Amino acid sequence: MASRKIVVRKSSKSAARGRAATRIARTISAKRGAAKDRERRTKTEGAIRGGNGKYQFALAQVKDVPAGTGYSTSHGGVVEGERMLVGYIHKERGTGSRMHTHQNEQFNLVVRGTLVGSVNGRKIKAPAGTLIYIPANAPHTLVADPQDKNVIFIAIKDLSQGIIGKAVDGKMTGPLYQKGFGPRD
């Protein structure tokens, strides 16, 4: 006996509902994919993202990125989580940041050298082992003391923005150089 194939035909309304359900499923899938892409992106260009199986970082080996483009010589590796970022930041002796602000509050832990400058109008001299607190939106400038070593500090910020702020004078024309330490000195 020969077998017969039974074909069930859908009504045109049923087929239309099936196509609509497929479109909705694709839209939901695309939105989930876009949300995952946003989760993987960083607010600091060149930073790496923590999580998704990445829980340990050799900060000294993390890709070096500018950490004050337009107003500072700061650079180093930056790792971002969901709500915080950490930078392993370098400033060569006699160089640093012009007066600037950023929306995120910040802690700087000086690991090597000495940072000098001001936060909210108060003078700062921070040798290795010193923690500096910078409130959100506080004008500040920090330079690697020309009388000491090149500076390394750990920057810790919330992620209301990336690591880069804005110069107070509105001009992103370059970093601060002490006399004798500039590129043309």
Protein backbone atom coordinates (compact mmCIF):
# COMPACT_ATOMS: atom_id res chain seq x y z
CA MET A 1 0.00 0.00 0.00
CA ALA A 2 1.34 3.39 -0.99
CA SER A 3 1.60 6.00 1.72
CA ARG A 4 -0.11 9.30 1.19
CA LYS A 5 1.14 12.62 2.36
CA ILE A 6 -1.47 14.76 4.05
CA VAL A 7 -1.06 18.50 3.54
CA VAL A 8 -2.83 20.86 5.89
CA ARG A 9 -3.37 24.28 4.40
CA LYS A 10 -3.51 27.30 6.63
CA SER A 11 -6.11 29.91 6.06
CA SER A 12 -4.79 33.27 4.86
CA LYS A 13 -5.60 34.79 8.32
CA SER A 14 -3.64 32.07 10.04
CA ALA A 15 -0.67 32.55 7.68
CA ALA A 16 -0.74 36.32 8.28
CA ARG A 17 -0.73 35.76 12.05
CA GLY A 18 2.24 33.41 11.66
CA ARG A 19 4.19 36.01 9.65
CA ALA A 20 3.36 38.70 12.22
CA ALA A 21 4.52 36.46 15.06
CA THR A 22 7.78 35.80 13.19
CA ARG A 23 8.36 39.57 12.70
CA ILE A 24 7.70 40.22 16.40
CA ALA A 25 10.08 37.44 17.44
CA ARG A 26 12.81 38.87 15.14
CA THR A 27 12.26 42.39 16.54
CA ILE A 28 12.52 41.14 20.13
CA SER A 29 15.66 39.18 19.25
CA ALA A 30 17.22 42.25 17.55
CA LYS A 31 16.42 44.44 20.59
CA ARG A 32 18.01 41.89 22.92
CA GLY A 33 21.08 41.77 20.66
CA ALA A 34 21.32 45.59 20.66
CA ALA A 35 21.03 45.64 24.47
CA LYS A 36 23.85 43.08 24.75
CA ASP A 37 25.99 45.18 22.38
CA ARG A 38 25.36 48.25 24.59
CA GLU A 39 26.37 46.19 27.63
CA ARG A 40 29.67 45.28 25.94
CA ARG A 41 30.46 48.87 24.83
CA THR A 42 32.50 51.16 27.03
CA LYS A 43 32.11 54.88 27.72
CA THR A 44 35.88 55.32 27.39
CA GLU A 45 37.14 54.67 23.87
CA GLY A 46 39.67 51.84 23.96
CA ALA A 47 38.74 50.67 27.48
CA ILE A 48 37.99 47.03 28.12
CA ARG A 49 34.81 45.72 29.69
CA GLY A 50 34.76 43.59 32.83
CA GLY A 51 32.28 40.77 33.37
CA ASN A 52 31.09 38.02 31.02
CA GLY A 53 33.77 35.72 32.39
CA LYS A 54 36.47 38.43 32.65
CA TYR A 55 37.10 39.09 36.33
CA GLN A 56 40.86 39.61 36.62
CA PHE A 57 43.03 42.17 34.84
CA ALA A 58 46.78 42.85 34.79
CA LEU A 59 46.27 46.63 34.74
CA ALA A 60 49.85 47.42 33.72
CA GLN A 61 49.30 45.32 30.56
CA VAL A 62 45.84 46.66 29.64
CA LYS A 63 45.87 48.61 26.36
CA ASP A 64 47.09 52.20 26.91
CA VAL A 65 44.44 54.84 26.08
CA PRO A 66 44.35 58.64 26.44
CA ALA A 67 42.74 59.56 29.77
CA GLY A 68 42.44 63.33 29.30
CA THR A 69 42.35 64.08 25.59
CA GLY A 70 42.46 67.83 25.00
CA TYR A 71 43.62 68.91 28.47
CA SER A 72 45.98 66.30 30.01
CA THR A 73 49.00 64.06 29.40
CA SER A 74 47.29 61.26 31.38
CA HIS A 75 47.18 57.85 29.71
CA GLY A 76 46.89 54.22 30.75
CA GLY A 77 44.79 51.10 30.84
CA VAL A 78 41.08 51.46 31.67
CA VAL A 79 38.65 48.72 32.72
CA GLU A 80 34.92 49.45 32.96
CA GLY A 81 32.28 47.49 34.83
CA GLU A 82 28.57 48.20 34.90
CA ARG A 83 28.76 51.23 37.21
CA MET A 84 32.47 51.99 37.79
CA LEU A 85 35.75 52.33 35.95
CA VAL A 86 39.33 51.87 37.08
CA GLY A 87 42.36 53.31 35.30
CA TYR A 88 46.06 52.59 35.76
CA ILE A 89 47.14 56.10 34.80
CA HIS A 90 50.55 57.57 33.98
CA LYS A 91 51.74 61.20 33.93
CA GLU A 92 55.31 62.02 33.02
CA ARG A 93 57.16 64.28 35.44
CA GLY A 94 56.39 67.99 34.92
CA THR A 95 53.23 67.29 32.91
CA GLY A 96 49.56 66.90 33.69
CA SER A 97 46.08 68.32 33.37
CA ARG A 98 44.85 71.84 32.88
CA MET A 99 41.89 72.84 35.05
CA HIS A 100 38.98 70.56 34.12
CA THR A 101 35.80 68.95 35.46
CA HIS A 102 33.79 65.79 34.90
CA GLN A 103 30.34 64.61 35.97
CA ASN A 104 31.70 61.59 37.81
CA GLU A 105 33.26 61.69 41.24
CA GLN A 106 36.75 60.25 41.37
CA PHE A 107 39.36 58.79 43.69
CA ASN A 108 43.05 58.83 42.70
CA LEU A 109 45.42 56.56 44.62
CA VAL A 110 49.00 57.66 43.96
CA VAL A 111 51.17 54.56 43.48
CA ARG A 112 54.45 56.20 42.38
CA GLY A 113 55.72 59.80 42.36
CA THR A 114 53.84 62.86 43.62
CA LEU A 115 50.82 64.69 42.21
CA VAL A 116 50.56 68.44 42.86
CA GLY A 117 47.75 70.84 41.97
CA SER A 118 44.35 71.79 43.31
CA VAL A 119 40.83 70.43 43.82
CA ASN A 120 37.97 72.92 44.28
CA GLY A 121 40.52 75.68 44.95
CA ARG A 122 42.42 73.72 47.63
CA LYS A 123 46.10 72.96 47.08
CA ILE A 124 47.09 69.31 46.82
CA LYS A 125 50.47 67.64 47.29
CA ALA A 126 49.99 63.89 47.18
CA PRO A 127 53.01 61.57 47.39
CA ALA A 128 52.81 57.80 46.81
CA GLY A 129 50.28 56.18 49.14
CA THR A 130 47.96 59.21 49.17
CA LEU A 131 44.31 58.99 48.15
CA ILE A 132 42.81 62.09 46.50
CA TYR A 133 39.03 62.58 46.43
CA ILE A 134 37.58 64.69 43.61
CA PRO A 135 33.83 65.44 43.90
CA ALA A 136 31.67 65.35 40.77
CA ASN A 137 31.92 68.62 38.78
CA ALA A 138 34.78 69.96 40.97
CA PRO A 139 37.36 72.01 39.03
CA HIS A 140 40.78 70.41 39.46
CA THR A 141 44.27 70.27 38.01
CA LEU A 142 46.96 67.71 38.82
CA VAL A 143 50.56 67.58 37.59
CA ALA A 144 53.34 65.05 38.17
CA ASP A 145 55.75 66.93 40.44
CA PRO A 146 58.80 67.89 38.34
CA GLN A 147 61.01 67.29 41.41
CA ASP A 148 59.92 63.63 41.70
CA LYS A 149 59.47 60.52 39.49
CA ASN A 150 56.95 59.99 36.71
CA VAL A 151 53.58 59.37 38.36
CA ILE A 152 51.40 56.28 38.31
CA PHE A 153 48.02 56.47 40.00
CA ILE A 154 44.88 54.35 40.15
CA ALA A 155 41.83 56.36 39.07
CA ILE A 156 38.43 55.09 40.25
CA LYS A 157 35.30 56.77 38.89
CA ASP A 158 31.58 56.12 38.65
CA LEU A 159 30.33 55.62 35.09
CA SER A 160 28.12 58.70 34.75
CA GLN A 161 30.61 59.38 31.94
CA GLY A 162 33.89 57.86 30.76
CA ILE A 163 37.34 58.77 32.05
CA ILE A 164 37.71 61.98 29.99
CA GLY A 165 36.29 65.29 31.27
CA LYS A 166 36.21 68.82 29.84
CA ALA A 167 38.61 71.73 30.23
CA VAL A 168 37.13 74.53 32.37
CA ASP A 169 38.07 77.17 29.75
CA GLY A 170 36.13 75.18 27.13
CA LYS A 171 39.23 74.82 24.95
CA MET A 172 40.48 71.30 24.41
CA THR A 173 43.84 72.63 23.20
CA GLY A 174 46.25 70.40 25.04
CA PRO A 175 47.77 69.45 28.39
CA LEU A 176 49.65 71.41 31.01
CA TYR A 177 53.45 71.38 30.84
CA GLN A 178 55.72 72.80 33.53
CA LYS A 179 58.59 74.95 32.24
CA GLY A 180 61.26 72.71 30.75
CA PHE A 181 58.95 69.72 30.30
CA GLY A 182 56.95 70.68 27.19
CA PRO A 183 57.32 69.07 23.79
CA ARG A 184 59.13 72.17 22.47
CA ASP A 185 61.30 72.83 25.57
